[in-house]
Amino acid sequence: MNREWHEKNKMPAGTTEKERIAWHLEHTAHCACRPFPEGLVAKMSAAEQRKLAHAAKLRETAAKR
């Protein structure tokens, strides 16, 4: 878990679906503590799903360093 990222990037209460998707995309790029919520994946646009795949790949690359 990337504790530093979590401390600096708390998800505020009352976020919209788009804000939650954006937060989780950033989270995926910086932390591997949990998977992206499947319920949100189903609601994402194709562009957002590509960003998710890219963020996951960046995280995997960083983990190998």
PDB file of N, CA and C in Angstrom:
ATOM      1  N   MET A   1       0.850  -1.179   0.000  1.00  0.00           N
ATOM      2  CA  MET A   1       0.000   0.000   0.000  1.00  0.00           C
ATOM      3  C   MET A   1       0.896   1.242   0.000  1.00  0.00           C
ATOM      4  N   ASN A   2       0.494   2.205  -0.778  1.00  0.00           N
ATOM      5  CA  ASN A   2       1.223   3.466  -0.852  1.00  0.00           C
ATOM      6  C   ASN A   2       0.584   4.436   0.157  1.00  0.00           C
ATOM      7  N   ARG A   3       1.036   4.315   1.394  1.00  0.00           N
ATOM      8  CA  ARG A   3       0.442   5.099   2.487  1.00  0.00           C
ATOM      9  C   ARG A   3       0.548   6.607   2.231  1.00  0.00           C
ATOM     10  N   GLU A   4       1.684   7.045   1.700  1.00  0.00           N
ATOM     11  CA  GLU A   4       1.882   8.473   1.429  1.00  0.00           C
ATOM     12  C   GLU A   4       0.842   8.986   0.434  1.00  0.00           C
ATOM     13  N   TRP A   5       0.594   8.222  -0.641  1.00  0.00           N
ATOM     14  CA  TRP A   5      -0.396   8.644  -1.636  1.00  0.00           C
ATOM     15  C   TRP A   5      -1.782   8.729  -1.002  1.00  0.00           C
ATOM     16  N   HIS A   6      -2.125   7.717  -0.199  1.00  0.00           N
ATOM     17  CA  HIS A   6      -3.443   7.707   0.440  1.00  0.00           C
ATOM     18  C   HIS A   6      -3.622   8.894   1.376  1.00  0.00           C
ATOM     19  N   GLU A   7      -2.586   9.239   2.122  1.00  0.00           N
ATOM     20  CA  GLU A   7      -2.689  10.367   3.047  1.00  0.00           C
ATOM     21  C   GLU A   7      -2.908  11.680   2.314  1.00  0.00           C
ATOM     22  N   LYS A   8      -2.321  11.830   1.143  1.00  0.00           N
ATOM     23  CA  LYS A   8      -2.434  13.074   0.379  1.00  0.00           C
ATOM     24  C   LYS A   8      -3.652  13.109  -0.544  1.00  0.00           C
ATOM     25  N   ASN A   9      -4.301  11.973  -0.755  1.00  0.00           N
ATOM     26  CA  ASN A   9      -5.375  11.892  -1.755  1.00  0.00           C
ATOM     27  C   ASN A   9      -6.615  11.193  -1.221  1.00  0.00           C
ATOM     28  N   LYS A  10      -7.147  11.686  -0.155  1.00  0.00           N
ATOM     29  CA  LYS A  10      -8.374  11.100   0.408  1.00  0.00           C
ATOM     30  C   LYS A  10      -9.556  11.459  -0.493  1.00  0.00           C
ATOM     31  N   MET A  11     -10.416  10.467  -0.727  1.00  0.00           N
ATOM     32  CA  MET A  11     -11.603  10.740  -1.529  1.00  0.00           C
ATOM     33  C   MET A  11     -12.614  11.480  -0.656  1.00  0.00           C
ATOM     34  N   PRO A  12     -13.047  12.655  -1.093  1.00  0.00           N
ATOM     35  CA  PRO A  12     -14.014  13.403  -0.290  1.00  0.00           C
ATOM     36  C   PRO A  12     -15.378  12.723  -0.279  1.00  0.00           C
ATOM     37  N   ALA A  13     -16.135  12.989   0.739  1.00  0.00           N
ATOM     38  CA  ALA A  13     -17.495  12.459   0.836  1.00  0.00           C
ATOM     39  C   ALA A  13     -18.379  13.131  -0.214  1.00  0.00           C
ATOM     40  N   GLY A  14     -19.372  12.404  -0.673  1.00  0.00           N
ATOM     41  CA  GLY A  14     -20.341  12.987  -1.599  1.00  0.00           C
ATOM     42  C   GLY A  14     -19.834  13.175  -3.016  1.00  0.00           C
ATOM     43  N   THR A  15     -18.857  12.396  -3.432  1.00  0.00           N
ATOM     44  CA  THR A  15     -18.333  12.555  -4.784  1.00  0.00           C
ATOM     45  C   THR A  15     -19.315  12.031  -5.825  1.00  0.00           C
ATOM     46  N   THR A  16     -19.223  12.582  -7.011  1.00  0.00           N
ATOM     47  CA  THR A  16     -20.040  12.097  -8.118  1.00  0.00           C
ATOM     48  C   THR A  16     -19.402  10.831  -8.675  1.00  0.00           C
ATOM     49  N   GLU A  17     -20.136  10.145  -9.517  1.00  0.00           N
ATOM     50  CA  GLU A  17     -19.609   8.935 -10.145  1.00  0.00           C
ATOM     51  C   GLU A  17     -18.352   9.248 -10.956  1.00  0.00           C
ATOM     52  N   LYS A  18     -18.371  10.333 -11.718  1.00  0.00           N
ATOM     53  CA  LYS A  18     -17.199  10.718 -12.515  1.00  0.00           C
ATOM     54  C   LYS A  18     -16.002  11.025 -11.615  1.00  0.00           C
ATOM     55  N   GLU A  19     -16.239  11.692 -10.485  1.00  0.00           N
ATOM     56  CA  GLU A  19     -15.153  11.988  -9.553  1.00  0.00           C
ATOM     57  C   GLU A  19     -14.588  10.709  -8.942  1.00  0.00           C
ATOM     58  N   ARG A  20     -15.463   9.757  -8.634  1.00  0.00           N
ATOM     59  CA  ARG A  20     -15.006   8.477  -8.088  1.00  0.00           C
ATOM     60  C   ARG A  20     -14.167   7.726  -9.110  1.00  0.00           C
ATOM     61  N   ILE A  21     -14.603   7.728 -10.365  1.00  0.00           N
ATOM     62  CA  ILE A  21     -13.837   7.066 -11.421  1.00  0.00           C
ATOM     63  C   ILE A  21     -12.464   7.717 -11.542  1.00  0.00           C
ATOM     64  N   ALA A  22     -12.420   9.051 -11.547  1.00  0.00           N
ATOM     65  CA  ALA A  22     -11.146   9.765 -11.666  1.00  0.00           C
ATOM     66  C   ALA A  22     -10.228   9.443 -10.485  1.00  0.00           C
ATOM     67  N   TRP A  23     -10.778   9.408  -9.275  1.00  0.00           N
ATOM     68  CA  TRP A  23      -9.978   9.097  -8.095  1.00  0.00           C
ATOM     69  C   TRP A  23      -9.404   7.691  -8.203  1.00  0.00           C
ATOM     70  N   HIS A  24     -10.237   6.739  -8.579  1.00  0.00           N
ATOM     71  CA  HIS A  24      -9.786   5.348  -8.672  1.00  0.00           C
ATOM     72  C   HIS A  24      -8.770   5.159  -9.797  1.00  0.00           C
ATOM     73  N   LEU A  25      -8.884   5.918 -10.882  1.00  0.00           N
ATOM     74  CA  LEU A  25      -7.870   5.848 -11.938  1.00  0.00           C
ATOM     75  C   LEU A  25      -6.514   6.291 -11.393  1.00  0.00           C
ATOM     76  N   GLU A  26      -6.490   7.393 -10.666  1.00  0.00           N
ATOM     77  CA  GLU A  26      -5.240   7.855 -10.050  1.00  0.00           C
ATOM     78  C   GLU A  26      -4.740   6.837  -9.033  1.00  0.00           C
ATOM     79  N   HIS A  27      -5.649   6.304  -8.243  1.00  0.00           N
ATOM     80  CA  HIS A  27      -5.290   5.314  -7.239  1.00  0.00           C
ATOM     81  C   HIS A  27      -4.630   4.104  -7.885  1.00  0.00           C
ATOM     82  N   THR A  28      -5.184   3.639  -8.980  1.00  0.00           N
ATOM     83  CA  THR A  28      -4.629   2.479  -9.677  1.00  0.00           C
ATOM     84  C   THR A  28      -3.214   2.752 -10.152  1.00  0.00           C
ATOM     85  N   ALA A  29      -2.937   3.972 -10.569  1.00  0.00           N
ATOM     86  CA  ALA A  29      -1.600   4.318 -11.048  1.00  0.00           C
ATOM     87  C   ALA A  29      -0.580   4.398  -9.911  1.00  0.00           C
ATOM     88  N   HIS A  30      -1.035   4.656  -8.680  1.00  0.00           N
ATOM     89  CA  HIS A  30      -0.109   4.912  -7.578  1.00  0.00           C
ATOM     90  C   HIS A  30      -0.108   3.879  -6.471  1.00  0.00           C
ATOM     91  N   CYS A  31      -1.085   2.995  -6.455  1.00  0.00           N
ATOM     92  CA  CYS A  31      -1.204   2.067  -5.336  1.00  0.00           C
ATOM     93  C   CYS A  31      -1.849   0.767  -5.803  1.00  0.00           C
ATOM     94  N   ALA A  32      -1.411  -0.320  -5.206  1.00  0.00           N
ATOM     95  CA  ALA A  32      -1.953  -1.633  -5.576  1.00  0.00           C
ATOM     96  C   ALA A  32      -2.659  -2.299  -4.406  1.00  0.00           C
ATOM     97  N   CYS A  33      -3.194  -1.507  -3.503  1.00  0.00           N
ATOM     98  CA  CYS A  33      -3.774  -2.090  -2.297  1.00  0.00           C
ATOM     99  C   CYS A  33      -5.104  -2.800  -2.544  1.00  0.00           C
ATOM    100  N   ARG A  34      -5.765  -2.460  -3.635  1.00  0.00           N
ATOM    101  CA  ARG A  34      -7.036  -3.139  -3.947  1.00  0.00           C
ATOM    102  C   ARG A  34      -7.339  -2.939  -5.427  1.00  0.00           C
ATOM    103  N   PRO A  35      -8.175  -3.817  -5.971  1.00  0.00           N
ATOM    104  CA  PRO A  35      -8.517  -3.682  -7.393  1.00  0.00           C
ATOM    105  C   PRO A  35      -9.507  -2.542  -7.625  1.00  0.00           C
ATOM    106  N   PHE A  36      -9.585  -2.112  -8.871  1.00  0.00           N
ATOM    107  CA  PHE A  36     -10.552  -1.102  -9.275  1.00  0.00           C
ATOM    108  C   PHE A  36     -11.952  -1.684  -9.070  1.00  0.00           C
ATOM    109  N   PRO A  37     -12.877  -0.956  -8.479  1.00  0.00           N
ATOM    110  CA  PRO A  37     -14.229  -1.489  -8.241  1.00  0.00           C
ATOM    111  C   PRO A  37     -14.918  -1.902  -9.546  1.00  0.00           C
ATOM    112  N   GLU A  38     -15.337  -3.148  -9.609  1.00  0.00           N
ATOM    113  CA  GLU A  38     -15.957  -3.667 -10.826  1.00  0.00           C
ATOM    114  C   GLU A  38     -17.209  -2.904 -11.222  1.00  0.00           C
ATOM    115  N   GLY A  39     -17.971  -2.442 -10.237  1.00  0.00           N
ATOM    116  CA  GLY A  39     -19.175  -1.683 -10.536  1.00  0.00           C
ATOM    117  C   GLY A  39     -18.883  -0.391 -11.280  1.00  0.00           C
ATOM    118  N   LEU A  40     -17.746   0.216 -10.979  1.00  0.00           N
ATOM    119  CA  LEU A  40     -17.367   1.442 -11.683  1.00  0.00           C
ATOM    120  C   LEU A  40     -16.826   1.132 -13.067  1.00  0.00           C
ATOM    121  N   VAL A  41     -16.110   0.025 -13.208  1.00  0.00           N
ATOM    122  CA  VAL A  41     -15.575  -0.349 -14.525  1.00  0.00           C
ATOM    123  C   VAL A  41     -16.720  -0.460 -15.525  1.00  0.00           C
ATOM    124  N   ALA A  42     -17.812  -1.046 -15.104  1.00  0.00           N
ATOM    125  CA  ALA A  42     -18.958  -1.233 -15.990  1.00  0.00           C
ATOM    126  C   ALA A  42     -19.561   0.097 -16.445  1.00  0.00           C
ATOM    127  N   LYS A  43     -19.355   1.149 -15.673  1.00  0.00           N
ATOM    128  CA  LYS A  43     -19.926   2.461 -15.989  1.00  0.00           C
ATOM    129  C   LYS A  43     -18.953   3.379 -16.717  1.00  0.00           C
ATOM    130  N   MET A  44     -17.719   2.919 -16.911  1.00  0.00           N
ATOM    131  CA  MET A  44     -16.693   3.758 -17.526  1.00  0.00           C
ATOM    132  C   MET A  44     -16.834   3.814 -19.043  1.00  0.00           C
ATOM    133  N   SER A  45     -16.446   4.939 -19.608  1.00  0.00           N
ATOM    134  CA  SER A  45     -16.405   5.064 -21.062  1.00  0.00           C
ATOM    135  C   SER A  45     -15.215   4.252 -21.579  1.00  0.00           C
ATOM    136  N   ALA A  46     -15.163   4.050 -22.877  1.00  0.00           N
ATOM    137  CA  ALA A  46     -14.046   3.323 -23.485  1.00  0.00           C
ATOM    138  C   ALA A  46     -12.733   4.050 -23.215  1.00  0.00           C
ATOM    139  N   ALA A  47     -12.744   5.377 -23.276  1.00  0.00           N
ATOM    140  CA  ALA A  47     -11.534   6.156 -23.014  1.00  0.00           C
ATOM    141  C   ALA A  47     -11.077   5.974 -21.570  1.00  0.00           C
ATOM    142  N   GLU A  48     -12.011   5.964 -20.637  1.00  0.00           N
ATOM    143  CA  GLU A  48     -11.655   5.766 -19.235  1.00  0.00           C
ATOM    144  C   GLU A  48     -11.108   4.360 -19.017  1.00  0.00           C
ATOM    145  N   GLN A  49     -11.658   3.376 -19.712  1.00  0.00           N
ATOM    146  CA  GLN A  49     -11.161   2.006 -19.587  1.00  0.00           C
ATOM    147  C   GLN A  49      -9.739   1.892 -20.134  1.00  0.00           C
ATOM    148  N   ARG A  50      -9.427   2.639 -21.189  1.00  0.00           N
ATOM    149  CA  ARG A  50      -8.056   2.651 -21.706  1.00  0.00           C
ATOM    150  C   ARG A  50      -7.116   3.290 -20.682  1.00  0.00           C
ATOM    151  N   LYS A  51      -7.572   4.357 -20.023  1.00  0.00           N
ATOM    152  CA  LYS A  51      -6.766   4.994 -18.982  1.00  0.00           C
ATOM    153  C   LYS A  51      -6.509   4.016 -17.837  1.00  0.00           C
ATOM    154  N   LEU A  52      -7.516   3.231 -17.495  1.00  0.00           N
ATOM    155  CA  LEU A  52      -7.367   2.241 -16.433  1.00  0.00           C
ATOM    156  C   LEU A  52      -6.305   1.216 -16.813  1.00  0.00           C
ATOM    157  N   ALA A  53      -6.352   0.723 -18.029  1.00  0.00           N
ATOM    158  CA  ALA A  53      -5.363  -0.254 -18.488  1.00  0.00           C
ATOM    159  C   ALA A  53      -3.966   0.361 -18.464  1.00  0.00           C
ATOM    160  N   HIS A  54      -3.860   1.604 -18.878  1.00  0.00           N
ATOM    161  CA  HIS A  54      -2.565   2.295 -18.882  1.00  0.00           C
ATOM    162  C   HIS A  54      -2.062   2.500 -17.451  1.00  0.00           C
ATOM    163  N   ALA A  55      -2.931   2.914 -16.559  1.00  0.00           N
ATOM    164  CA  ALA A  55      -2.540   3.142 -15.166  1.00  0.00           C
ATOM    165  C   ALA A  55      -2.062   1.844 -14.526  1.00  0.00           C
ATOM    166  N   ALA A  56      -2.755   0.756 -14.796  1.00  0.00           N
ATOM    167  CA  ALA A  56      -2.351  -0.532 -14.241  1.00  0.00           C
ATOM    168  C   ALA A  56      -0.992  -0.944 -14.779  1.00  0.00           C
ATOM    169  N   LYS A  57      -0.750  -0.686 -16.048  1.00  0.00           N
ATOM    170  CA  LYS A  57       0.541  -1.029 -16.645  1.00  0.00           C
ATOM    171  C   LYS A  57       1.652  -0.184 -16.025  1.00  0.00           C
ATOM    172  N   LEU A  58       1.414   1.104 -15.803  1.00  0.00           N
ATOM    173  CA  LEU A  58       2.405   1.964 -15.159  1.00  0.00           C
ATOM    174  C   LEU A  58       2.735   1.446 -13.762  1.00  0.00           C
ATOM    175  N   ARG A  59       1.725   1.048 -13.029  1.00  0.00           N
ATOM    176  CA  ARG A  59       1.934   0.549 -11.674  1.00  0.00           C
ATOM    177  C   ARG A  59       2.760  -0.722 -11.695  1.00  0.00           C
ATOM    178  N   GLU A  60       2.467  -1.627 -12.626  1.00  0.00           N
ATOM    179  CA  GLU A  60       3.221  -2.871 -12.736  1.00  0.00           C
ATOM    180  C   GLU A  60       4.677  -2.590 -13.070  1.00  0.00           C
ATOM    181  N   THR A  61       4.916  -1.644 -13.971  1.00  0.00           N
ATOM    182  CA  THR A  61       6.281  -1.287 -14.348  1.00  0.00           C
ATOM    183  C   THR A  61       7.039  -0.707 -13.149  1.00  0.00           C
ATOM    184  N   ALA A  62       6.381   0.158 -12.395  1.00  0.00           N
ATOM    185  CA  ALA A  62       7.014   0.756 -11.218  1.00  0.00           C
ATOM    186  C   ALA A  62       7.317  -0.282 -10.160  1.00  0.00           C
ATOM    187  N   ALA A  63       6.439  -1.272 -10.012  1.00  0.00           N
ATOM    188  CA  ALA A  63       6.637  -2.315  -9.004  1.00  0.00           C
ATOM    189  C   ALA A  63       7.851  -3.183  -9.313  1.00  0.00           C
ATOM    190  N   LYS A  64       8.205  -3.286 -10.576  1.00  0.00           N
ATOM    191  CA  LYS A  64       9.346  -4.105 -10.972  1.00  0.00           C
ATOM    192  C   LYS A  64      10.675  -3.432 -10.702  1.00  0.00           C
ATOM    193  N   ARG A  65      10.661  -2.136 -10.439  1.00  0.00           N
ATOM    194  CA  ARG A  65      11.907  -1.382 -10.214  1.00  0.00           C
ATOM    195  C   ARG A  65      12.463  -1.625  -8.851  1.00  0.00           C
TER     196      ARG A  65
END
